[in-house]
C-alpha atoms as a PDB file:
ATOM      1  CA  UNK A   1      29.645  42.972   4.650  1.00  0.00           C
ATOM      2  CA  UNK A   2      29.827  46.184   2.701  1.00  0.00           C
ATOM      3  CA  UNK A   3      28.895  46.339  -0.970  1.00  0.00           C
ATOM      4  CA  UNK A   4      30.620  49.569  -1.892  1.00  0.00           C
ATOM      5  CA  UNK A   5      31.237  48.343  -5.418  1.00  0.00           C
ATOM      6  CA  UNK A   6      27.500  48.374  -6.178  1.00  0.00           C
ATOM      7  CA  UNK A   7      26.469  51.858  -7.225  1.00  0.00           C
ATOM      8  CA  UNK A   8      22.863  51.346  -8.319  1.00  0.00           C
ATOM      9  CA  UNK A   9      20.328  54.175  -8.279  1.00  0.00           C
ATOM     10  CA  UNK A  10      17.489  51.699  -8.265  1.00  0.00           C
ATOM     11  CA  UNK A  11      16.932  48.062  -7.330  1.00  0.00           C
ATOM     12  CA  UNK A  12      15.895  47.557 -10.966  1.00  0.00           C
ATOM     13  CA  UNK A  13      19.525  46.750 -11.753  1.00  0.00           C
ATOM     14  CA  UNK A  14      19.314  43.839  -9.324  1.00  0.00           C
ATOM     15  CA  UNK A  15      16.118  42.661 -11.017  1.00  0.00           C
ATOM     16  CA  UNK A  16      18.014  42.334 -14.281  1.00  0.00           C
ATOM     17  CA  UNK A  17      20.680  40.215 -12.577  1.00  0.00           C
ATOM     18  CA  UNK A  18      17.883  37.964 -11.308  1.00  0.00           C
ATOM     19  CA  UNK A  19      16.223  37.835 -14.730  1.00  0.00           C
ATOM     20  CA  UNK A  20      19.494  36.977 -16.495  1.00  0.00           C
ATOM     21  CA  UNK A  21      19.489  33.826 -14.369  1.00  0.00           C
ATOM     22  CA  UNK A  22      15.813  32.929 -14.205  1.00  0.00           C
ATOM     23  CA  UNK A  23      14.519  33.773 -17.687  1.00  0.00           C
ATOM     24  CA  UNK A  24      17.005  31.511 -19.487  1.00  0.00           C
ATOM     25  CA  UNK A  25      16.052  28.770 -17.002  1.00  0.00           C
ATOM     26  CA  UNK A  26      12.412  29.251 -17.979  1.00  0.00           C
ATOM     27  CA  UNK A  27      13.445  28.904 -21.619  1.00  0.00           C
ATOM     28  CA  UNK A  28      15.278  25.683 -20.696  1.00  0.00           C
ATOM     29  CA  UNK A  29      11.986  24.429 -19.210  1.00  0.00           C
ATOM     30  CA  UNK A  30      10.234  24.987 -22.540  1.00  0.00           C
ATOM     31  CA  UNK A  31      12.932  23.049 -24.323  1.00  0.00           C
ATOM     32  CA  UNK A  32      13.022  20.195 -21.790  1.00  0.00           C
ATOM     33  CA  UNK A  33       9.246  19.756 -21.963  1.00  0.00           C
ATOM     34  CA  UNK A  34       9.518  19.415 -25.723  1.00  0.00           C
ATOM     35  CA  UNK A  35      12.619  17.223 -25.585  1.00  0.00           C
ATOM     36  CA  UNK A  36      10.876  14.861 -23.152  1.00  0.00           C
ATOM     37  CA  UNK A  37       8.194  14.067 -25.709  1.00  0.00           C
ATOM     38  CA  UNK A  38       9.833  14.460 -29.115  1.00  0.00           C
ATOM     39  CA  UNK A  39      13.098  14.837 -30.932  1.00  0.00           C
ATOM     40  CA  UNK A  40      13.783  18.572 -30.854  1.00  0.00           C
ATOM     41  CA  UNK A  41      16.534  20.314 -32.757  1.00  0.00           C
ATOM     42  CA  UNK A  42      18.936  22.077 -30.429  1.00  0.00           C
ATOM     43  CA  UNK A  43      18.508  25.130 -32.671  1.00  0.00           C
ATOM     44  CA  UNK A  44      15.048  25.634 -31.104  1.00  0.00           C
ATOM     45  CA  UNK A  45      16.699  25.959 -27.702  1.00  0.00           C
ATOM     46  CA  UNK A  46      19.367  28.361 -28.966  1.00  0.00           C
ATOM     47  CA  UNK A  47      16.869  30.593 -30.789  1.00  0.00           C
ATOM     48  CA  UNK A  48      14.691  30.902 -27.677  1.00  0.00           C
ATOM     49  CA  UNK A  49      17.688  31.395 -25.384  1.00  0.00           C
ATOM     50  CA  UNK A  50      19.309  34.052 -27.568  1.00  0.00           C
ATOM     51  CA  UNK A  51      15.999  35.903 -27.960  1.00  0.00           C
ATOM     52  CA  UNK A  52      15.509  35.893 -24.172  1.00  0.00           C
ATOM     53  CA  UNK A  53      19.010  37.258 -23.552  1.00  0.00           C
ATOM     54  CA  UNK A  54      18.582  39.946 -26.234  1.00  0.00           C
ATOM     55  CA  UNK A  55      15.244  40.909 -24.648  1.00  0.00           C
ATOM     56  CA  UNK A  56      16.822  41.295 -21.216  1.00  0.00           C
ATOM     57  CA  UNK A  57      20.039  43.003 -22.270  1.00  0.00           C
ATOM     58  CA  UNK A  58      18.160  45.510 -24.436  1.00  0.00           C
ATOM     59  CA  UNK A  59      15.812  46.407 -21.580  1.00  0.00           C
ATOM     60  CA  UNK A  60      18.706  46.702 -19.154  1.00  0.00           C
ATOM     61  CA  UNK A  61      20.737  48.930 -21.483  1.00  0.00           C
ATOM     62  CA  UNK A  62      17.693  51.179 -21.926  1.00  0.00           C
ATOM     63  CA  UNK A  63      17.071  51.388 -18.200  1.00  0.00           C
ATOM     64  CA  UNK A  64      20.660  52.244 -17.250  1.00  0.00           C
ATOM     65  CA  UNK A  65      20.983  54.782 -20.058  1.00  0.00           C
ATOM     66  CA  UNK A  66      23.578  52.976 -22.201  1.00  0.00           C
ATOM     67  CA  UNK A  67      21.114  53.226 -25.084  1.00  0.00           C
ATOM     68  CA  UNK A  68      17.966  55.285 -25.366  1.00  0.00           C
ATOM     69  CA  UNK A  69      15.085  54.133 -23.166  1.00  0.00           C
ATOM     70  CA  UNK A  70      12.861  53.576 -26.193  1.00  0.00           C
ATOM     71  CA  UNK A  71      15.596  51.888 -28.234  1.00  0.00           C
ATOM     72  CA  UNK A  72      16.100  49.369 -25.444  1.00  0.00           C
ATOM     73  CA  UNK A  73      12.345  48.933 -25.114  1.00  0.00           C
ATOM     74  CA  UNK A  74      11.854  48.403 -28.859  1.00  0.00           C
ATOM     75  CA  UNK A  75      14.663  45.856 -29.234  1.00  0.00           C
ATOM     76  CA  UNK A  76      13.469  44.023 -26.120  1.00  0.00           C
ATOM     77  CA  UNK A  77       9.909  43.931 -27.448  1.00  0.00           C
ATOM     78  CA  UNK A  78      11.038  42.565 -30.806  1.00  0.00           C
ATOM     79  CA  UNK A  79      12.899  39.760 -29.031  1.00  0.00           C
ATOM     80  CA  UNK A  80       9.882  39.020 -26.798  1.00  0.00           C
ATOM     81  CA  UNK A  81       7.548  38.973 -29.810  1.00  0.00           C
ATOM     82  CA  UNK A  82       9.921  36.524 -31.495  1.00  0.00           C
ATOM     83  CA  UNK A  83       9.672  34.224 -28.439  1.00  0.00           C
ATOM     84  CA  UNK A  84       5.883  34.462 -28.612  1.00  0.00           C
ATOM     85  CA  UNK A  85       5.983  33.682 -32.339  1.00  0.00           C
ATOM     86  CA  UNK A  86       8.208  30.656 -31.736  1.00  0.00           C
ATOM     87  CA  UNK A  87       5.973  29.167 -29.038  1.00  0.00           C
ATOM     88  CA  UNK A  88       2.685  29.866 -30.862  1.00  0.00           C
ATOM     89  CA  UNK A  89       3.552  29.424 -34.550  1.00  0.00           C
ATOM     90  CA  UNK A  90       7.193  28.423 -34.866  1.00  0.00           C
ATOM     91  CA  UNK A  91       8.971  25.085 -34.668  1.00  0.00           C
ATOM     92  CA  UNK A  92       8.453  24.761 -30.892  1.00  0.00           C
ATOM     93  CA  UNK A  93       4.695  25.135 -31.321  1.00  0.00           C
ATOM     94  CA  UNK A  94       4.585  22.592 -34.159  1.00  0.00           C
ATOM     95  CA  UNK A  95       6.470  20.044 -32.085  1.00  0.00           C
ATOM     96  CA  UNK A  96       4.117  20.535 -29.131  1.00  0.00           C
ATOM     97  CA  UNK A  97       1.050  20.222 -31.350  1.00  0.00           C
ATOM     98  CA  UNK A  98       2.198  17.023 -33.066  1.00  0.00           C
ATOM     99  CA  UNK A  99      -0.064  14.054 -32.504  1.00  0.00           C
ATOM    100  CA  UNK A 100       2.618  11.944 -30.837  1.00  0.00           C
ATOM    101  CA  UNK A 101       3.147  14.260 -27.900  1.00  0.00           C
ATOM    102  CA  UNK A 102       1.843  13.372 -24.451  1.00  0.00           C
ATOM    103  CA  UNK A 103      -1.265  15.182 -23.248  1.00  0.00           C
ATOM    104  CA  UNK A 104       0.364  16.454 -20.036  1.00  0.00           C
ATOM    105  CA  UNK A 105       3.379  17.791 -21.918  1.00  0.00           C
ATOM    106  CA  UNK A 106       1.125  19.630 -24.354  1.00  0.00           C
ATOM    107  CA  UNK A 107      -0.874  20.984 -21.416  1.00  0.00           C
ATOM    108  CA  UNK A 108       2.315  22.195 -19.673  1.00  0.00           C
ATOM    109  CA  UNK A 109       3.663  23.714 -22.887  1.00  0.00           C
ATOM    110  CA  UNK A 110       0.376  25.541 -23.492  1.00  0.00           C
ATOM    111  CA  UNK A 111       0.334  26.857 -19.927  1.00  0.00           C
ATOM    112  CA  UNK A 112       3.928  28.078 -20.223  1.00  0.00           C
ATOM    113  CA  UNK A 113       3.221  29.915 -23.434  1.00  0.00           C
ATOM    114  CA  UNK A 114       0.231  31.647 -21.815  1.00  0.00           C
ATOM    115  CA  UNK A 115       2.541  32.730 -18.977  1.00  0.00           C
ATOM    116  CA  UNK A 116       5.164  33.989 -21.446  1.00  0.00           C
ATOM    117  CA  UNK A 117       2.497  35.930 -23.314  1.00  0.00           C
ATOM    118  CA  UNK A 118       0.329  37.387 -20.572  1.00  0.00           C
ATOM    119  CA  UNK A 119       2.506  37.071 -17.478  1.00  0.00           C
ATOM    120  CA  UNK A 120       5.553  38.469 -19.204  1.00  0.00           C
ATOM    121  CA  UNK A 121       3.474  41.337 -20.618  1.00  0.00           C
ATOM    122  CA  UNK A 122       3.502  42.857 -17.121  1.00  0.00           C
ATOM    123  CA  UNK A 123       7.192  43.754 -17.553  1.00  0.00           C
ATOM    124  CA  UNK A 124       6.875  45.933 -20.675  1.00  0.00           C
ATOM    125  CA  UNK A 125       3.728  47.492 -19.222  1.00  0.00           C
ATOM    126  CA  UNK A 126       5.765  48.408 -16.139  1.00  0.00           C
ATOM    127  CA  UNK A 127       8.549  49.750 -18.358  1.00  0.00           C
ATOM    128  CA  UNK A 128       6.033  51.901 -20.245  1.00  0.00           C
ATOM    129  CA  UNK A 129       4.397  53.081 -17.011  1.00  0.00           C
ATOM    130  CA  UNK A 130       7.730  53.837 -15.387  1.00  0.00           C
ATOM    131  CA  UNK A 131       9.132  55.801 -18.313  1.00  0.00           C
ATOM    132  CA  UNK A 132       6.097  57.489 -19.806  1.00  0.00           C
ATOM    133  CA  UNK A 133       3.476  57.921 -17.092  1.00  0.00           C
ATOM    134  CA  UNK A 134       4.991  58.721 -13.733  1.00  0.00           C
ATOM    135  CA  UNK A 135       8.738  58.161 -14.125  1.00  0.00           C
ATOM    136  CA  UNK A 136       9.021  56.825 -10.598  1.00  0.00           C
ATOM    137  CA  UNK A 137      11.614  54.097  -9.905  1.00  0.00           C
ATOM    138  CA  UNK A 138       9.410  52.993  -6.992  1.00  0.00           C
ATOM    139  CA  UNK A 139       6.446  52.374  -9.314  1.00  0.00           C
ATOM    140  CA  UNK A 140       8.654  50.568 -11.805  1.00  0.00           C
ATOM    141  CA  UNK A 141      10.075  48.317  -9.104  1.00  0.00           C
ATOM    142  CA  UNK A 142       6.632  47.620  -7.672  1.00  0.00           C
ATOM    143  CA  UNK A 143       5.359  46.482 -11.076  1.00  0.00           C
ATOM    144  CA  UNK A 144       8.490  44.390 -11.716  1.00  0.00           C
ATOM    145  CA  UNK A 145       8.183  42.716  -8.313  1.00  0.00           C
ATOM    146  CA  UNK A 146       4.515  41.952  -8.936  1.00  0.00           C
ATOM    147  CA  UNK A 147       5.424  40.443 -12.307  1.00  0.00           C
ATOM    148  CA  UNK A 148       8.180  38.352 -10.714  1.00  0.00           C
ATOM    149  CA  UNK A 149       5.769  37.128  -8.053  1.00  0.00           C
ATOM    150  CA  UNK A 150       3.148  36.088 -10.629  1.00  0.00           C
ATOM    151  CA  UNK A 151       5.479  34.598 -13.225  1.00  0.00           C
ATOM    152  CA  UNK A 152       7.896  32.665 -11.054  1.00  0.00           C
ATOM    153  CA  UNK A 153       5.119  31.083  -9.042  1.00  0.00           C
ATOM    154  CA  UNK A 154       3.128  30.289 -12.193  1.00  0.00           C
ATOM    155  CA  UNK A 155       6.148  28.712 -13.935  1.00  0.00           C
ATOM    156  CA  UNK A 156       6.927  26.655 -10.838  1.00  0.00           C
ATOM    157  CA  UNK A 157       3.348  25.423 -10.489  1.00  0.00           C
ATOM    158  CA  UNK A 158       3.160  24.409 -14.160  1.00  0.00           C
ATOM    159  CA  UNK A 159       6.427  22.472 -14.000  1.00  0.00           C
ATOM    160  CA  UNK A 160       5.445  20.844 -10.688  1.00  0.00           C
ATOM    161  CA  UNK A 161       2.040  19.919 -12.112  1.00  0.00           C
ATOM    162  CA  UNK A 162       3.568  18.381 -15.238  1.00  0.00           C
ATOM    163  CA  UNK A 163       6.133  16.455 -13.210  1.00  0.00           C
ATOM    164  CA  UNK A 164       3.617  15.076 -10.727  1.00  0.00           C
ATOM    165  CA  UNK A 165       1.102  14.226 -13.449  1.00  0.00           C
ATOM    166  CA  UNK A 166       3.706  12.337 -15.470  1.00  0.00           C
ATOM    167  CA  UNK A 167       4.869  10.426 -12.382  1.00  0.00           C
ATOM    168  CA  UNK A 168       1.279   9.298 -11.764  1.00  0.00           C
ATOM    169  CA  UNK A 169       0.887   7.815 -15.238  1.00  0.00           C
ATOM    170  CA  UNK A 170       1.065   4.030 -15.387  1.00  0.00           C
ATOM    171  CA  UNK A 171       4.245   2.677 -16.916  1.00  0.00           C
ATOM    172  CA  UNK A 172       5.201  -0.786 -18.109  1.00  0.00           C
ATOM    173  CA  UNK A 173       7.026  -1.755 -14.906  1.00  0.00           C
ATOM    174  CA  UNK A 174       3.987  -0.873 -12.762  1.00  0.00           C
ATOM    175  CA  UNK A 175       1.609  -2.660 -15.111  1.00  0.00           C
ATOM    176  CA  UNK A 176       3.704  -5.844 -15.074  1.00  0.00           C
ATOM    177  CA  UNK A 177       3.764  -6.045 -11.240  1.00  0.00           C
END
């Protein structure tokens, strides 16, 4: 099958397509972890989702030249910093820290926010490297692929760990038998 309609100079464009699917799903995971343990306003979900989409779209527009490289970078960074604020000091963080939340859910939430802070920092570092140090699309794609490898595996392991740990907890039906 021929893909003549795709006129990309770099596979980075395809990375953004991937990220527009996977990053919002990671945001959904944050929300579902919180919603499993507490009543969470849907506005928390929408704020995180919108910030993640703004982060991605801004970076994409900077990389394809629709806006300046540094304008896209700056807007994307502001959105990412907002996500970090929300999960460390905002409403999402306060819900996770509340005394009524399950230990495993708090542990999963804390692990996810570490991934979003440190794992996701690989992407802007790659952006900076690719546009200010060597300007090579190959270097940029290598860094992005490394970041994808680290972050997607880490997110999956955290969610798997939380799911298996919660399924191993005793519940009332098991205790009664």
